[in-house]
């Protein structure tokens, strides 16, 4: 990674562990500089952890931001008994909401798979968060439409990794070649420093999962759910931030999704795909600021 690109994740934070359904869940709270404009609970995407949201966190210094590593990812333990599903991850949001005593006007933000977790949680618990922000929301079923082939290939990859003996199976899942291929396909930036950052982040954290069982469960949750399933049930004002070149959720599908919400605004960032959190965090943060203002 080029030293010219600002280092992400240097904002001071307090770290706390929460025992949720038998799993130790680690959570980072980044206090606002001065009186907070809002408190935002952020949910990272599949095979990510808090690091994936670091550049957006850094771009929102006036807000208190809370970011957990979801169970089984990063520094959080997997659930010992619960499946790693959308509903189970929703339990984490509810517990943190209570244990951190978040204010009534707290905001919920989810990126990619985190958009599924966040939207399904708020649909089931109306009023728990005053506003919802979805970055690169999963706007349509993964196993339908033009991306169905890619989703089925991914499903075969995870099935193969689970069928192999543990050591080679983990090697397949943590393959640098796979991480680099994903980076090359999903990255749209022409900035060599930002592109190097994307590759570096995926190499560092793509393999940060606890075990094959929980990863397969989380993958199944990621392709089995989407925001469209619950959009009409969410009454809170909602901001959708989409990438113009996102292969996982086209602009047309995002417009169709936004129309399902009772109160939603769609903003599209040109020239970026599914990696808004890495490639255009300042633009996304500016949209969040306008929405919350």
Protein backbone atom coordinates (compact mmCIF):
# COMPACT_ATOMS: atom_id res chain seq x y z
CA UNK A 1 0.00 0.00 0.00
CA UNK A 2 1.35 3.40 -0.92
CA UNK A 3 2.46 5.56 2.00
CA UNK A 4 0.86 8.54 0.22
CA UNK A 5 -2.65 7.24 0.92
CA UNK A 6 -3.86 8.33 4.39
CA UNK A 7 -3.79 5.46 6.84
CA UNK A 8 -7.31 4.44 7.84
CA UNK A 9 -8.40 3.39 11.30
CA UNK A 10 -6.26 5.78 13.34
CA UNK A 11 -9.25 7.49 14.97
CA UNK A 12 -9.16 6.88 18.77
CA UNK A 13 -11.63 4.28 20.01
CA UNK A 14 -12.72 2.52 23.16
CA UNK A 15 -12.94 -1.27 22.89
CA UNK A 16 -15.43 -3.43 24.77
CA UNK A 17 -16.39 -7.10 24.70
CA UNK A 18 -20.03 -8.18 24.87
CA UNK A 19 -21.17 -11.75 25.56
CA UNK A 20 -23.98 -12.40 23.07
CA UNK A 21 -25.54 -15.86 22.79
CA UNK A 22 -22.31 -17.40 24.10
CA UNK A 23 -20.01 -15.49 21.72
CA UNK A 24 -17.56 -12.80 22.81
CA UNK A 25 -18.29 -9.93 20.44
CA UNK A 26 -15.70 -7.17 20.27
CA UNK A 27 -16.95 -3.66 19.59
CA UNK A 28 -15.18 -0.38 18.85
CA UNK A 29 -16.71 2.97 19.79
CA UNK A 30 -15.23 6.08 18.16
CA UNK A 31 -16.27 9.21 20.13
CA UNK A 32 -17.14 12.31 18.14
CA UNK A 33 -14.85 15.31 18.11
CA UNK A 34 -16.91 17.67 20.25
CA UNK A 35 -20.66 17.38 20.71
CA UNK A 36 -21.79 14.46 18.53
CA UNK A 37 -24.09 15.23 15.63
CA UNK A 38 -25.41 11.68 15.88
CA UNK A 39 -24.54 8.15 16.99
CA UNK A 40 -24.15 5.62 14.17
CA UNK A 41 -24.02 1.83 14.59
CA UNK A 42 -22.28 0.34 11.53
CA UNK A 43 -22.49 -3.24 10.24
CA UNK A 44 -19.72 -4.56 7.97
CA UNK A 45 -20.10 -6.89 5.01
CA UNK A 46 -19.48 -10.60 4.41
CA UNK A 47 -15.89 -11.73 5.04
CA UNK A 48 -15.07 -8.28 6.35
CA UNK A 49 -14.70 -6.78 9.80
CA UNK A 50 -14.46 -3.28 11.27
CA UNK A 51 -11.45 -2.44 9.09
CA UNK A 52 -13.63 -2.36 6.00
CA UNK A 53 -15.56 0.61 7.36
CA UNK A 54 -12.53 2.48 8.71
CA UNK A 55 -12.32 5.04 5.90
CA UNK A 56 -16.01 5.97 6.30
CA UNK A 57 -15.56 6.15 10.09
CA UNK A 58 -12.60 8.50 9.62
CA UNK A 59 -14.65 10.68 7.27
CA UNK A 60 -17.38 11.22 9.91
CA UNK A 61 -15.41 12.79 12.80
CA UNK A 62 -18.41 14.77 14.07
CA UNK A 63 -20.38 11.60 14.81
CA UNK A 64 -19.97 8.94 17.47
CA UNK A 65 -19.55 5.68 15.57
CA UNK A 66 -19.93 2.14 16.92
CA UNK A 67 -18.58 -0.80 14.88
CA UNK A 68 -18.60 -4.44 16.04
CA UNK A 69 -16.88 -7.38 14.42
CA UNK A 70 -19.81 -9.70 13.72
CA UNK A 71 -19.55 -13.13 15.40
CA UNK A 72 -17.04 -15.35 13.63
CA UNK A 73 -15.28 -12.45 11.88
CA UNK A 74 -12.30 -10.34 12.91
CA UNK A 75 -11.75 -10.46 16.66
CA UNK A 76 -15.21 -11.75 17.60
CA UNK A 77 -15.90 -15.38 18.46
CA UNK A 78 -18.41 -17.46 16.51
CA UNK A 79 -21.76 -18.39 17.99
CA UNK A 80 -21.31 -21.74 19.76
CA UNK A 81 -24.85 -22.94 19.06
CA UNK A 82 -26.77 -20.43 16.92
CA UNK A 83 -26.46 -20.51 13.13
CA UNK A 84 -24.63 -17.55 11.64
CA UNK A 85 -27.73 -16.17 9.99
CA UNK A 86 -29.25 -12.77 9.29
CA UNK A 87 -31.54 -13.17 12.31
CA UNK A 88 -28.69 -14.22 14.61
CA UNK A 89 -26.57 -11.26 13.56
CA UNK A 90 -29.61 -9.10 14.21
CA UNK A 91 -29.49 -10.25 17.83
CA UNK A 92 -26.06 -8.61 18.03
CA UNK A 93 -27.48 -5.27 16.94
CA UNK A 94 -30.29 -5.43 19.48
CA UNK A 95 -27.94 -6.37 22.31
CA UNK A 96 -25.47 -3.60 21.49
CA UNK A 97 -28.37 -1.16 21.18
CA UNK A 98 -29.34 -1.95 24.77
CA UNK A 99 -25.97 -2.53 26.43
CA UNK A 100 -24.40 0.62 24.96
CA UNK A 101 -27.57 2.58 25.77
CA UNK A 102 -27.60 4.19 22.34
CA UNK A 103 -29.73 7.35 22.08
CA UNK A 104 -33.25 7.26 20.66
CA UNK A 105 -32.12 9.08 17.52
CA UNK A 106 -29.30 6.60 16.79
CA UNK A 107 -28.66 5.71 13.15
CA UNK A 108 -28.13 2.21 11.74
CA UNK A 109 -25.76 1.78 8.78
CA UNK A 110 -25.02 -1.43 6.89
CA UNK A 111 -22.68 -2.15 3.99
CA UNK A 112 -23.31 -4.98 1.50
CA UNK A 113 -24.26 -8.07 3.58
CA UNK A 114 -24.52 -5.62 6.47
CA UNK A 115 -27.36 -3.96 4.55
CA UNK A 116 -29.31 -7.23 4.77
CA UNK A 117 -28.65 -7.57 8.50
CA UNK A 118 -29.48 -3.92 9.23
CA UNK A 119 -32.66 -3.75 7.13
CA UNK A 120 -34.06 -7.05 8.41
CA UNK A 121 -33.35 -6.00 11.99
CA UNK A 122 -35.07 -2.63 11.65
CA UNK A 123 -38.06 -4.19 9.88
CA UNK A 124 -38.48 -6.55 12.84
CA UNK A 125 -37.78 -3.85 15.46
CA UNK A 126 -39.34 -0.60 14.23
CA UNK A 127 -38.32 2.41 16.26
CA UNK A 128 -35.04 0.95 17.53
CA UNK A 129 -33.14 3.28 15.18
CA UNK A 130 -34.34 6.64 13.94
CA UNK A 131 -32.73 6.43 10.49
CA UNK A 132 -31.23 3.79 8.22
CA UNK A 133 -28.29 4.09 5.81
CA UNK A 134 -27.51 1.28 3.37
CA UNK A 135 -24.21 1.42 1.45
CA UNK A 136 -24.05 -0.85 -1.61
CA UNK A 137 -27.33 -2.45 -0.54
CA UNK A 138 -28.13 -5.98 -1.71
CA UNK A 139 -31.01 -4.93 -3.91
CA UNK A 140 -32.10 -8.21 -5.50
CA UNK A 141 -31.86 -11.99 -4.99
CA UNK A 142 -28.35 -13.34 -5.53
CA UNK A 143 -29.58 -16.48 -7.30
CA UNK A 144 -31.72 -14.64 -9.83
CA UNK A 145 -30.92 -12.34 -12.72
CA UNK A 146 -27.58 -11.71 -14.46
CA UNK A 147 -25.41 -12.37 -11.39
CA UNK A 148 -26.92 -15.80 -10.66
CA UNK A 149 -24.04 -17.58 -12.41
CA UNK A 150 -21.46 -15.74 -10.31
CA UNK A 151 -23.42 -16.56 -7.13
CA UNK A 152 -23.61 -20.24 -8.02
CA UNK A 153 -19.89 -20.34 -8.74
CA UNK A 154 -19.27 -18.80 -5.33
CA UNK A 155 -21.56 -21.39 -3.74
CA UNK A 156 -19.54 -24.14 -5.41
CA UNK A 157 -16.33 -22.59 -4.09
CA UNK A 158 -17.60 -22.66 -0.49
CA UNK A 159 -19.03 -26.17 -0.88
CA UNK A 160 -15.66 -27.42 -2.18
CA UNK A 161 -13.78 -25.76 0.67
CA UNK A 162 -16.11 -27.39 3.22
CA UNK A 163 -15.84 -30.83 1.57
CA UNK A 164 -12.03 -30.87 1.61
CA UNK A 165 -10.04 -31.92 4.69
CA UNK A 166 -9.61 -29.01 7.08
CA UNK A 167 -6.11 -27.88 6.16
CA UNK A 168 -6.54 -27.74 2.36
CA UNK A 169 -10.09 -26.45 2.82
CA UNK A 170 -8.84 -23.49 4.85
CA UNK A 171 -6.06 -22.92 2.32
CA UNK A 172 -8.68 -22.61 -0.43
CA UNK A 173 -10.75 -20.17 1.63
CA UNK A 174 -7.73 -18.06 2.57
CA UNK A 175 -6.11 -18.18 -0.86
CA UNK A 176 -4.31 -14.98 -1.78
CA UNK A 177 -5.10 -15.69 -5.43
CA UNK A 178 -8.83 -15.68 -4.66
CA UNK A 179 -8.53 -12.45 -2.64
CA UNK A 180 -6.56 -10.77 -5.44
CA UNK A 181 -9.01 -11.96 -8.08
CA UNK A 182 -11.89 -10.51 -6.07
CA UNK A 183 -10.01 -7.22 -5.70
CA UNK A 184 -9.26 -7.05 -9.41
CA UNK A 185 -12.85 -7.76 -10.43
CA UNK A 186 -14.58 -5.49 -7.94
CA UNK A 187 -12.23 -2.51 -7.90
CA UNK A 188 -13.14 0.24 -10.39
CA UNK A 189 -10.75 3.00 -9.33
CA UNK A 190 -8.00 4.22 -11.65
CA UNK A 191 -6.03 5.64 -8.72
CA UNK A 192 -3.08 3.27 -8.18
CA UNK A 193 -2.83 4.16 -4.49
CA UNK A 194 -6.48 3.40 -3.80
CA UNK A 195 -6.27 0.22 -5.88
CA UNK A 196 -3.23 -0.89 -3.86
CA UNK A 197 -5.20 -0.17 -0.68
CA UNK A 198 -8.07 -2.41 -1.85
CA UNK A 199 -5.68 -5.30 -2.57
CA UNK A 200 -3.91 -4.81 0.75
CA UNK A 201 -7.15 -4.79 2.76
CA UNK A 202 -8.49 -7.95 1.13
CA UNK A 203 -5.17 -9.71 1.64
CA UNK A 204 -5.12 -8.74 5.30
CA UNK A 205 -8.71 -9.40 6.32
CA UNK A 206 -10.41 -11.66 3.73
CA UNK A 207 -9.19 -14.68 5.72
CA UNK A 208 -10.21 -13.32 9.12
CA UNK A 209 -12.94 -15.82 9.93
CA UNK A 210 -13.15 -18.36 12.77
CA UNK A 211 -13.92 -21.64 11.01
CA UNK A 212 -15.40 -23.18 7.88
CA UNK A 213 -18.78 -23.98 9.41
CA UNK A 214 -19.61 -20.43 10.41
CA UNK A 215 -18.28 -19.05 7.13
CA UNK A 216 -20.50 -21.35 5.08
CA UNK A 217 -23.50 -20.41 7.23
CA UNK A 218 -22.78 -16.71 6.80
CA UNK A 219 -22.33 -17.17 3.05
CA UNK A 220 -25.68 -18.92 2.79
CA UNK A 221 -27.25 -16.02 4.68
CA UNK A 222 -25.60 -13.54 2.31
CA UNK A 223 -27.01 -15.17 -0.85
CA UNK A 224 -30.33 -16.16 0.71
CA UNK A 225 -31.43 -12.69 1.76
CA UNK A 226 -31.77 -9.21 0.31
CA UNK A 227 -33.12 -5.82 1.31
CA UNK A 228 -36.09 -6.02 -1.06
CA UNK A 229 -37.66 -8.65 1.24
CA UNK A 230 -38.30 -6.12 4.01
CA UNK A 231 -38.08 -2.64 2.42
CA UNK A 232 -41.83 -1.96 2.58
CA UNK A 233 -41.83 -2.67 6.34
CA UNK A 234 -39.25 0.00 7.20
CA UNK A 235 -40.85 3.30 8.12
CA UNK A 236 -37.68 5.09 9.20
CA UNK A 237 -36.17 7.59 6.74
CA UNK A 238 -33.65 5.62 4.68
CA UNK A 239 -30.66 6.57 2.55
CA UNK A 240 -29.43 4.17 -0.14
CA UNK A 241 -25.89 4.81 -1.42
CA UNK A 242 -25.20 2.84 -4.59
CA UNK A 243 -22.23 2.49 -6.90
CA UNK A 244 -22.88 3.23 -10.55
CA UNK A 245 -20.83 0.19 -11.63
CA UNK A 246 -21.89 -2.25 -8.91
CA UNK A 247 -22.26 -5.73 -10.45
CA UNK A 248 -24.05 -7.03 -7.33
CA UNK A 249 -26.74 -4.35 -7.40
CA UNK A 250 -27.36 -2.44 -10.64
CA UNK A 251 -28.61 1.14 -10.58
CA UNK A 252 -31.91 -0.04 -12.08
CA UNK A 253 -32.38 -2.55 -9.25
CA UNK A 254 -31.47 0.12 -6.68
CA UNK A 255 -34.09 2.46 -8.08
CA UNK A 256 -36.65 -0.32 -7.95
CA UNK A 257 -35.62 -1.08 -4.35
CA UNK A 258 -35.83 2.58 -3.26
CA UNK A 259 -39.40 2.75 -4.56
CA UNK A 260 -40.43 -0.01 -2.13
CA UNK A 261 -39.51 2.01 0.99
CA UNK A 262 -42.13 4.34 2.46
CA UNK A 263 -39.43 7.03 2.85
CA UNK A 264 -36.16 6.48 0.96
CA UNK A 265 -33.59 8.55 -0.90
CA UNK A 266 -31.23 6.98 -3.44
CA UNK A 267 -27.83 8.50 -4.16
CA UNK A 268 -25.54 7.03 -6.81
CA UNK A 269 -21.78 7.56 -6.82
CA UNK A 270 -20.37 7.51 -10.38
CA UNK A 271 -17.36 5.45 -11.39
CA UNK A 272 -17.42 3.06 -8.44
CA UNK A 273 -18.82 -0.43 -7.95
CA UNK A 274 -19.36 -2.49 -4.80
CA UNK A 275 -16.37 -1.03 -2.94
CA UNK A 276 -17.74 2.39 -2.03
CA UNK A 277 -16.35 1.91 1.50
CA UNK A 278 -12.81 1.62 0.13
CA UNK A 279 -12.81 3.72 -3.03
CA UNK A 280 -15.14 6.68 -2.35
CA UNK A 281 -15.56 6.94 1.44
CA UNK A 282 -15.48 10.75 1.48
CA UNK A 283 -18.31 10.95 -1.05
CA UNK A 284 -20.36 8.42 0.91
CA UNK A 285 -19.71 10.23 4.19
CA UNK A 286 -20.78 13.52 2.61
CA UNK A 287 -24.06 11.94 1.57
CA UNK A 288 -24.57 10.63 5.11
CA UNK A 289 -23.89 14.11 6.51
CA UNK A 290 -26.49 15.67 4.19
CA UNK A 291 -29.03 12.97 5.01
CA UNK A 292 -28.61 13.34 8.78
CA UNK A 293 -28.60 17.14 8.62
